[in-house]
Structure formats: C-alpha cells, structure tokens
Amino acid sequence: MALVIDNAETERLVAELARATGHSPAEALADLIRERLREKGAVEPALDPPDIWEQIREIQDRVAAMPDVDSRGADEIIGYDEHGVPR
C-alpha cells in the first residue's frame, strides 16, 4: 500500500523528523507510529534481545523438564527399517 501525503505541513514535519533521527522519512514515520500505538496500548511493546533470550531459556527449561512419554528411537518412530524402507 502506497501512502500519499498531500499536506505541506505533514511533509515538512516528516522531513524534519527524518533529519533529527537520521532515518529515512519512511523509517522515521514508521518508528513514530509504532511508538504512538504502544502508548495507546494498541500493540505489545517489542522485547529487547536480552528479554527474548531469557524467555527462550525459560521455555527450554520447561521443555527439558517434561517427561519422555515415548522411549522409541527416531528411526522406530519414523517407521523405516535399516535399509530405509518403510515397515
């Protein structure tokens, strides 16, 4: 979807924001919109990489603690014999 801004003041403000942030006009505008949406509670805030890794570690720990309910090996589960032929 292309966005056409047909308002001189808005174009000036976007250009000023882009200069101030060092981003392209599209990036500066997207960042501003994301920020406003977060303020309004419309989107969940993005997680910082350390937060993401902490959540991944927690998930890994929970999965590792789960019981092994199927003791068959991978080949047995897949159903191929020693020649690679389905059983």
PDB file of N, CA and C in Angstrom:
ATOM      1  N   MET A   1       0.851  -1.168   0.000  1.00  0.00           N
ATOM      2  CA  MET A   1       0.000   0.000   0.000  1.00  0.00           C
ATOM      3  C   MET A   1       0.893   1.226   0.000  1.00  0.00           C
ATOM      4  N   ALA A   2       0.704   2.085  -0.956  1.00  0.00           N
ATOM      5  CA  ALA A   2       1.454   3.339  -1.015  1.00  0.00           C
ATOM      6  C   ALA A   2       0.713   4.388  -0.205  1.00  0.00           C
ATOM      7  N   LEU A   3       1.475   5.208   0.462  1.00  0.00           N
ATOM      8  CA  LEU A   3       0.896   6.270   1.273  1.00  0.00           C
ATOM      9  C   LEU A   3       1.248   7.598   0.623  1.00  0.00           C
ATOM     10  N   VAL A   4       0.246   8.372   0.278  1.00  0.00           N
ATOM     11  CA  VAL A   4       0.453   9.685  -0.330  1.00  0.00           C
ATOM     12  C   VAL A   4       0.097  10.736   0.707  1.00  0.00           C
ATOM     13  N   ILE A   5       1.061  11.594   0.998  1.00  0.00           N
ATOM     14  CA  ILE A   5       0.819  12.671   1.956  1.00  0.00           C
ATOM     15  C   ILE A   5       0.638  13.949   1.160  1.00  0.00           C
ATOM     16  N   ASP A   6      -0.573  14.442   1.159  1.00  0.00           N
ATOM     17  CA  ASP A   6      -0.905  15.641   0.388  1.00  0.00           C
ATOM     18  C   ASP A   6      -1.165  16.797   1.351  1.00  0.00           C
ATOM     19  N   ASN A   7      -0.193  17.027   2.237  1.00  0.00           N
ATOM     20  CA  ASN A   7      -0.326  18.084   3.224  1.00  0.00           C
ATOM     21  C   ASN A   7       1.070  18.647   3.467  1.00  0.00           C
ATOM     22  N   ALA A   8       1.266  19.903   3.135  1.00  0.00           N
ATOM     23  CA  ALA A   8       2.596  20.517   3.198  1.00  0.00           C
ATOM     24  C   ALA A   8       3.178  20.483   4.608  1.00  0.00           C
ATOM     25  N   GLU A   9       2.352  20.770   5.612  1.00  0.00           N
ATOM     26  CA  GLU A   9       2.867  20.774   6.983  1.00  0.00           C
ATOM     27  C   GLU A   9       3.305  19.372   7.404  1.00  0.00           C
ATOM     28  N   THR A  10       2.519  18.368   7.060  1.00  0.00           N
ATOM     29  CA  THR A  10       2.868  16.993   7.407  1.00  0.00           C
ATOM     30  C   THR A  10       4.154  16.577   6.706  1.00  0.00           C
ATOM     31  N   GLU A  11       4.296  16.937   5.442  1.00  0.00           N
ATOM     32  CA  GLU A  11       5.521  16.623   4.702  1.00  0.00           C
ATOM     33  C   GLU A  11       6.724  17.290   5.357  1.00  0.00           C
ATOM     34  N   ARG A  12       6.563  18.537   5.781  1.00  0.00           N
ATOM     35  CA  ARG A  12       7.650  19.272   6.432  1.00  0.00           C
ATOM     36  C   ARG A  12       8.016  18.608   7.750  1.00  0.00           C
ATOM     37  N   LEU A  13       7.003  18.224   8.532  1.00  0.00           N
ATOM     38  CA  LEU A  13       7.256  17.591   9.822  1.00  0.00           C
ATOM     39  C   LEU A  13       7.944  16.232   9.664  1.00  0.00           C
ATOM     40  N   VAL A  14       7.533  15.464   8.681  1.00  0.00           N
ATOM     41  CA  VAL A  14       8.163  14.164   8.436  1.00  0.00           C
ATOM     42  C   VAL A  14       9.619  14.360   8.027  1.00  0.00           C
ATOM     43  N   ALA A  15       9.877  15.333   7.165  1.00  0.00           N
ATOM     44  CA  ALA A  15      11.253  15.616   6.745  1.00  0.00           C
ATOM     45  C   ALA A  15      12.100  16.065   7.935  1.00  0.00           C
ATOM     46  N   GLU A  16      11.527  16.890   8.799  1.00  0.00           N
ATOM     47  CA  GLU A  16      12.242  17.366   9.987  1.00  0.00           C
ATOM     48  C   GLU A  16      12.538  16.200  10.935  1.00  0.00           C
ATOM     49  N   LEU A  17      11.568  15.328  11.123  1.00  0.00           N
ATOM     50  CA  LEU A  17      11.756  14.155  11.973  1.00  0.00           C
ATOM     51  C   LEU A  17      12.851  13.251  11.403  1.00  0.00           C
ATOM     52  N   ALA A  18      12.847  13.063  10.100  1.00  0.00           N
ATOM     53  CA  ALA A  18      13.859  12.228   9.454  1.00  0.00           C
ATOM     54  C   ALA A  18      15.253  12.815   9.660  1.00  0.00           C
ATOM     55  N   ARG A  19      15.391  14.112   9.495  1.00  0.00           N
ATOM     56  CA  ARG A  19      16.691  14.759   9.723  1.00  0.00           C
ATOM     57  C   ARG A  19      17.125  14.601  11.179  1.00  0.00           C
ATOM     58  N   ALA A  20      16.198  14.789  12.100  1.00  0.00           N
ATOM     59  CA  ALA A  20      16.523  14.737  13.523  1.00  0.00           C
ATOM     60  C   ALA A  20      16.925  13.326  13.968  1.00  0.00           C
ATOM     61  N   THR A  21      16.330  12.318  13.362  1.00  0.00           N
ATOM     62  CA  THR A  21      16.611  10.940  13.770  1.00  0.00           C
ATOM     63  C   THR A  21      17.697  10.280  12.935  1.00  0.00           C
ATOM     64  N   GLY A  22      17.994  10.859  11.781  1.00  0.00           N
ATOM     65  CA  GLY A  22      18.980  10.255  10.897  1.00  0.00           C
ATOM     66  C   GLY A  22      18.438   9.075  10.112  1.00  0.00           C
ATOM     67  N   HIS A  23      17.128   8.922  10.116  1.00  0.00           N
ATOM     68  CA  HIS A  23      16.481   7.845   9.365  1.00  0.00           C
ATOM     69  C   HIS A  23      15.869   8.404   8.088  1.00  0.00           C
ATOM     70  N   SER A  24      15.447   7.497   7.221  1.00  0.00           N
ATOM     71  CA  SER A  24      14.702   7.928   6.043  1.00  0.00           C
ATOM     72  C   SER A  24      13.339   8.425   6.518  1.00  0.00           C
ATOM     73  N   PRO A  25      12.664   9.228   5.703  1.00  0.00           N
ATOM     74  CA  PRO A  25      11.326   9.675   6.101  1.00  0.00           C
ATOM     75  C   PRO A  25      10.387   8.508   6.422  1.00  0.00           C
ATOM     76  N   ALA A  26      10.429   7.453   5.626  1.00  0.00           N
ATOM     77  CA  ALA A  26       9.547   6.304   5.871  1.00  0.00           C
ATOM     78  C   ALA A  26       9.879   5.627   7.197  1.00  0.00           C
ATOM     79  N   GLU A  27      11.179   5.436   7.484  1.00  0.00           N
ATOM     80  CA  GLU A  27      11.578   4.809   8.748  1.00  0.00           C
ATOM     81  C   GLU A  27      11.199   5.677   9.941  1.00  0.00           C
ATOM     82  N   ALA A  28      11.444   6.982   9.827  1.00  0.00           N
ATOM     83  CA  ALA A  28      11.131   7.898  10.926  1.00  0.00           C
ATOM     84  C   ALA A  28       9.636   7.896  11.213  1.00  0.00           C
ATOM     85  N   LEU A  29       8.840   7.909  10.172  1.00  0.00           N
ATOM     86  CA  LEU A  29       7.390   7.911  10.341  1.00  0.00           C
ATOM     87  C   LEU A  29       6.908   6.578  10.928  1.00  0.00           C
ATOM     88  N   ALA A  30       7.461   5.472  10.457  1.00  0.00           N
ATOM     89  CA  ALA A  30       7.078   4.154  10.984  1.00  0.00           C
ATOM     90  C   ALA A  30       7.435   4.043  12.464  1.00  0.00           C
ATOM     91  N   ASP A  31       8.631   4.527  12.844  1.00  0.00           N
ATOM     92  CA  ASP A  31       9.031   4.500  14.259  1.00  0.00           C
ATOM     93  C   ASP A  31       8.066   5.311  15.111  1.00  0.00           C
ATOM     94  N   LEU A  32       7.698   6.480  14.625  1.00  0.00           N
ATOM     95  CA  LEU A  32       6.782   7.351  15.359  1.00  0.00           C
ATOM     96  C   LEU A  32       5.408   6.688  15.518  1.00  0.00           C
ATOM     97  N   ILE A  33       4.926   6.081  14.468  1.00  0.00           N
ATOM     98  CA  ILE A  33       3.614   5.418  14.519  1.00  0.00           C
ATOM     99  C   ILE A  33       3.656   4.240  15.494  1.00  0.00           C
ATOM    100  N   ARG A  34       4.745   3.443  15.440  1.00  0.00           N
ATOM    101  CA  ARG A  34       4.882   2.325  16.381  1.00  0.00           C
ATOM    102  C   ARG A  34       4.857   2.822  17.824  1.00  0.00           C
ATOM    103  N   GLU A  35       5.600   3.896  18.080  1.00  0.00           N
ATOM    104  CA  GLU A  35       5.663   4.466  19.424  1.00  0.00           C
ATOM    105  C   GLU A  35       4.284   4.907  19.899  1.00  0.00           C
ATOM    106  N   ARG A  36       3.554   5.586  19.041  1.00  0.00           N
ATOM    107  CA  ARG A  36       2.207   6.051  19.412  1.00  0.00           C
ATOM    108  C   ARG A  36       1.263   4.876  19.656  1.00  0.00           C
ATOM    109  N   LEU A  37       1.346   3.850  18.831  1.00  0.00           N
ATOM    110  CA  LEU A  37       0.496   2.672  19.021  1.00  0.00           C
ATOM    111  C   LEU A  37       0.809   1.982  20.344  1.00  0.00           C
ATOM    112  N   ARG A  38       2.092   1.902  20.705  1.00  0.00           N
ATOM    113  CA  ARG A  38       2.462   1.322  22.002  1.00  0.00           C
ATOM    114  C   ARG A  38       1.899   2.161  23.139  1.00  0.00           C
ATOM    115  N   GLU A  39       1.993   3.489  23.026  1.00  0.00           N
ATOM    116  CA  GLU A  39       1.454   4.383  24.054  1.00  0.00           C
ATOM    117  C   GLU A  39      -0.042   4.155  24.247  1.00  0.00           C
ATOM    118  N   LYS A  40      -0.740   3.912  23.163  1.00  0.00           N
ATOM    119  CA  LYS A  40      -2.189   3.716  23.212  1.00  0.00           C
ATOM    120  C   LYS A  40      -2.562   2.285  23.574  1.00  0.00           C
ATOM    121  N   GLY A  41      -1.563   1.428  23.726  1.00  0.00           N
ATOM    122  CA  GLY A  41      -1.833   0.040  24.079  1.00  0.00           C
ATOM    123  C   GLY A  41      -2.342  -0.783  22.918  1.00  0.00           C
ATOM    124  N   ALA A  42      -2.162  -0.283  21.709  1.00  0.00           N
ATOM    125  CA  ALA A  42      -2.679  -0.986  20.536  1.00  0.00           C
ATOM    126  C   ALA A  42      -1.761  -2.123  20.100  1.00  0.00           C
ATOM    127  N   VAL A  43      -0.497  -2.060  20.470  1.00  0.00           N
ATOM    128  CA  VAL A  43       0.446  -3.127  20.135  1.00  0.00           C
ATOM    129  C   VAL A  43       1.276  -3.431  21.367  1.00  0.00           C
ATOM    130  N   GLU A  44       1.743  -4.664  21.439  1.00  0.00           N
ATOM    131  CA  GLU A  44       2.611  -5.027  22.546  1.00  0.00           C
ATOM    132  C   GLU A  44       3.992  -4.453  22.290  1.00  0.00           C
ATOM    133  N   PRO A  45       4.648  -3.957  23.323  1.00  0.00           N
ATOM    134  CA  PRO A  45       5.996  -3.429  23.119  1.00  0.00           C
ATOM    135  C   PRO A  45       6.942  -4.545  22.694  1.00  0.00           C
ATOM    136  N   ALA A  46       7.860  -4.202  21.826  1.00  0.00           N
ATOM    137  CA  ALA A  46       8.842  -5.180  21.373  1.00  0.00           C
ATOM    138  C   ALA A  46       9.761  -5.539  22.531  1.00  0.00           C
ATOM    139  N   LEU A  47      10.149  -6.793  22.581  1.00  0.00           N
ATOM    140  CA  LEU A  47      11.054  -7.232  23.632  1.00  0.00           C
ATOM    141  C   LEU A  47      12.482  -6.896  23.249  1.00  0.00           C
ATOM    142  N   ASP A  48      13.269  -6.513  24.228  1.00  0.00           N
ATOM    143  CA  ASP A  48      14.691  -6.310  23.995  1.00  0.00           C
ATOM    144  C   ASP A  48      15.321  -7.682  23.823  1.00  0.00           C
ATOM    145  N   PRO A  49      16.384  -7.798  23.030  1.00  0.00           N
ATOM    146  CA  PRO A  49      17.016  -9.105  22.830  1.00  0.00           C
ATOM    147  C   PRO A  49      17.325  -9.860  24.122  1.00  0.00           C
ATOM    148  N   PRO A  50      17.843  -9.211  25.192  1.00  0.00           N
ATOM    149  CA  PRO A  50      18.072  -9.985  26.425  1.00  0.00           C
ATOM    150  C   PRO A  50      16.773 -10.581  26.984  1.00  0.00           C
ATOM    151  N   ASP A  51      15.669  -9.845  26.884  1.00  0.00           N
ATOM    152  CA  ASP A  51      14.384 -10.364  27.357  1.00  0.00           C
ATOM    153  C   ASP A  51      13.945 -11.570  26.536  1.00  0.00           C
ATOM    154  N   ILE A  52      14.163 -11.501  25.249  1.00  0.00           N
ATOM    155  CA  ILE A  52      13.782 -12.604  24.365  1.00  0.00           C
ATOM    156  C   ILE A  52      14.577 -13.855  24.732  1.00  0.00           C
ATOM    157  N   TRP A  53      15.892 -13.694  24.925  1.00  0.00           N
ATOM    158  CA  TRP A  53      16.726 -14.847  25.255  1.00  0.00           C
ATOM    159  C   TRP A  53      16.352 -15.426  26.608  1.00  0.00           C
ATOM    160  N   GLU A  54      15.995 -14.572  27.559  1.00  0.00           N
ATOM    161  CA  GLU A  54      15.570 -15.057  28.867  1.00  0.00           C
ATOM    162  C   GLU A  54      14.293 -15.888  28.729  1.00  0.00           C
ATOM    163  N   GLN A  55      13.359 -15.420  27.913  1.00  0.00           N
ATOM    164  CA  GLN A  55      12.127 -16.184  27.696  1.00  0.00           C
ATOM    165  C   GLN A  55      12.417 -17.513  27.004  1.00  0.00           C
ATOM    166  N   ILE A  56      13.338 -17.489  26.046  1.00  0.00           N
ATOM    167  CA  ILE A  56      13.700 -18.734  25.355  1.00  0.00           C
ATOM    168  C   ILE A  56      14.309 -19.718  26.343  1.00  0.00           C
ATOM    169  N   ARG A  57      15.198 -19.243  27.228  1.00  0.00           N
ATOM    170  CA  ARG A  57      15.801 -20.125  28.235  1.00  0.00           C
ATOM    171  C   ARG A  57      14.735 -20.734  29.147  1.00  0.00           C
ATOM    172  N   GLU A  58      13.759 -19.919  29.545  1.00  0.00           N
ATOM    173  CA  GLU A  58      12.686 -20.431  30.402  1.00  0.00           C
ATOM    174  C   GLU A  58      11.887 -21.523  29.690  1.00  0.00           C
ATOM    175  N   ILE A  59      11.603 -21.311  28.423  1.00  0.00           N
ATOM    176  CA  ILE A  59      10.877 -22.320  27.639  1.00  0.00           C
ATOM    177  C   ILE A  59      11.717 -23.588  27.520  1.00  0.00           C
ATOM    178  N   GLN A  60      13.020 -23.431  27.239  1.00  0.00           N
ATOM    179  CA  GLN A  60      13.895 -24.597  27.132  1.00  0.00           C
ATOM    180  C   GLN A  60      13.913 -25.392  28.436  1.00  0.00           C
ATOM    181  N   ASP A  61      13.975 -24.694  29.556  1.00  0.00           N
ATOM    182  CA  ASP A  61      13.983 -25.375  30.854  1.00  0.00           C
ATOM    183  C   ASP A  61      12.686 -26.151  31.080  1.00  0.00           C
ATOM    184  N   ARG A  62      11.551 -25.534  30.727  1.00  0.00           N
ATOM    185  CA  ARG A  62      10.261 -26.216  30.905  1.00  0.00           C
ATOM    186  C   ARG A  62      10.173 -27.455  30.020  1.00  0.00           C
ATOM    187  N   VAL A  63      10.634 -27.327  28.778  1.00  0.00           N
ATOM    188  CA  VAL A  63      10.578 -28.467  27.855  1.00  0.00           C
ATOM    189  C   VAL A  63      11.517 -29.573  28.333  1.00  0.00           C
ATOM    190  N   ALA A  64      12.711 -29.216  28.781  1.00  0.00           N
ATOM    191  CA  ALA A  64      13.676 -30.217  29.257  1.00  0.00           C
ATOM    192  C   ALA A  64      13.143 -30.971  30.470  1.00  0.00           C
ATOM    193  N   ALA A  65      12.315 -30.317  31.269  1.00  0.00           N
ATOM    194  CA  ALA A  65      11.770 -30.952  32.474  1.00  0.00           C
ATOM    195  C   ALA A  65      10.582 -31.865  32.177  1.00  0.00           C
ATOM    196  N   MET A  66      10.073 -31.828  30.968  1.00  0.00           N
ATOM    197  CA  MET A  66       8.920 -32.669  30.620  1.00  0.00           C
ATOM    198  C   MET A  66       9.340 -34.136  30.557  1.00  0.00           C
ATOM    199  N   PRO A  67       8.441 -35.037  30.937  1.00  0.00           N
ATOM    200  CA  PRO A  67       8.779 -36.464  30.888  1.00  0.00           C
ATOM    201  C   PRO A  67       8.840 -36.956  29.446  1.00  0.00           C
ATOM    202  N   ASP A  68       9.680 -37.968  29.227  1.00  0.00           N
ATOM    203  CA  ASP A  68       9.778 -38.606  27.918  1.00  0.00           C
ATOM    204  C   ASP A  68       8.711 -39.690  27.880  1.00  0.00           C
ATOM    205  N   VAL A  69       7.621 -39.436  27.175  1.00  0.00           N
ATOM    206  CA  VAL A  69       6.495 -40.376  27.165  1.00  0.00           C
ATOM    207  C   VAL A  69       6.606 -41.418  26.060  1.00  0.00           C
ATOM    208  N   ASP A  70       7.580 -41.267  25.174  1.00  0.00           N
ATOM    209  CA  ASP A  70       7.760 -42.234  24.097  1.00  0.00           C
ATOM    210  C   ASP A  70       9.246 -42.572  24.027  1.00  0.00           C
ATOM    211  N   SER A  71       9.601 -43.766  24.447  1.00  0.00           N
ATOM    212  CA  SER A  71      11.013 -44.144  24.534  1.00  0.00           C
ATOM    213  C   SER A  71      11.560 -44.726  23.231  1.00  0.00           C
ATOM    214  N   ARG A  72      10.740 -44.784  22.190  1.00  0.00           N
ATOM    215  CA  ARG A  72      11.228 -45.308  20.910  1.00  0.00           C
ATOM    216  C   ARG A  72      12.259 -44.359  20.311  1.00  0.00           C
ATOM    217  N   GLY A  73      13.158 -44.904  19.527  1.00  0.00           N
ATOM    218  CA  GLY A  73      14.141 -44.098  18.819  1.00  0.00           C
ATOM    219  C   GLY A  73      13.517 -43.431  17.603  1.00  0.00           C
ATOM    220  N   ALA A  74      14.231 -42.472  17.038  1.00  0.00           N
ATOM    221  CA  ALA A  74      13.707 -41.719  15.894  1.00  0.00           C
ATOM    222  C   ALA A  74      13.382 -42.632  14.717  1.00  0.00           C
ATOM    223  N   ASP A  75      14.278 -43.587  14.408  1.00  0.00           N
ATOM    224  CA  ASP A  75      14.029 -44.487  13.276  1.00  0.00           C
ATOM    225  C   ASP A  75      12.774 -45.323  13.487  1.00  0.00           C
ATOM    226  N   GLU A  76      12.562 -45.761  14.713  1.00  0.00           N
ATOM    227  CA  GLU A  76      11.375 -46.562  15.006  1.00  0.00           C
ATOM    228  C   GLU A  76      10.105 -45.721  14.889  1.00  0.00           C
ATOM    229  N   ILE A  77      10.178 -44.487  15.335  1.00  0.00           N
ATOM    230  CA  ILE A  77       9.014 -43.599  15.244  1.00  0.00           C
ATOM    231  C   ILE A  77       8.691 -43.299  13.787  1.00  0.00           C
ATOM    232  N   ILE A  78       9.728 -43.027  13.005  1.00  0.00           N
ATOM    233  CA  ILE A  78       9.521 -42.701  11.590  1.00  0.00           C
ATOM    234  C   ILE A  78       8.997 -43.915  10.837  1.00  0.00           C
ATOM    235  N   GLY A  79       9.456 -45.099  11.227  1.00  0.00           N
ATOM    236  CA  GLY A  79       8.912 -46.321  10.639  1.00  0.00           C
ATOM    237  C   GLY A  79       9.716 -46.893   9.496  1.00  0.00           C
ATOM    238  N   TYR A  80      11.010 -46.585   9.405  1.00  0.00           N
ATOM    239  CA  TYR A  80      11.849 -47.148   8.353  1.00  0.00           C
ATOM    240  C   TYR A  80      12.759 -48.215   8.942  1.00  0.00           C
ATOM    241  N   ASP A  81      13.065 -49.216   8.127  1.00  0.00           N
ATOM    242  CA  ASP A  81      13.989 -50.243   8.604  1.00  0.00           C
ATOM    243  C   ASP A  81      15.427 -49.820   8.328  1.00  0.00           C
ATOM    244  N   GLU A  82      16.373 -50.748   8.562  1.00  0.00           N
ATOM    245  CA  GLU A  82      17.800 -50.421   8.400  1.00  0.00           C
ATOM    246  C   GLU A  82      18.192 -50.115   6.960  1.00  0.00           C
ATOM    247  N   HIS A  83      17.328 -50.449   5.994  1.00  0.00           N
ATOM    248  CA  HIS A  83      17.593 -50.178   4.580  1.00  0.00           C
ATOM    249  C   HIS A  83      16.877 -48.917   4.094  1.00  0.00           C
ATOM    250  N   GLY A  84      16.191 -48.242   4.999  1.00  0.00           N
ATOM    251  CA  GLY A  84      15.474 -47.024   4.629  1.00  0.00           C
ATOM    252  C   GLY A  84      14.133 -47.277   3.977  1.00  0.00           C
ATOM    253  N   VAL A  85      13.633 -48.506   4.105  1.00  0.00           N
ATOM    254  CA  VAL A  85      12.355 -48.883   3.511  1.00  0.00           C
ATOM    255  C   VAL A  85      11.277 -48.800   4.592  1.00  0.00           C
ATOM    256  N   PRO A  86      10.109 -48.238   4.250  1.00  0.00           N
ATOM    257  CA  PRO A  86       9.034 -48.179   5.250  1.00  0.00           C
ATOM    258  C   PRO A  86       8.643 -49.576   5.702  1.00  0.00           C
ATOM    259  N   ARG A  87       8.354 -49.720   6.968  1.00  0.00           N
ATOM    260  CA  ARG A  87       7.955 -51.030   7.514  1.00  0.00           C
ATOM    261  C   ARG A  87       6.501 -51.285   7.262  1.00  0.00           C
TER     262      ARG A  87
END
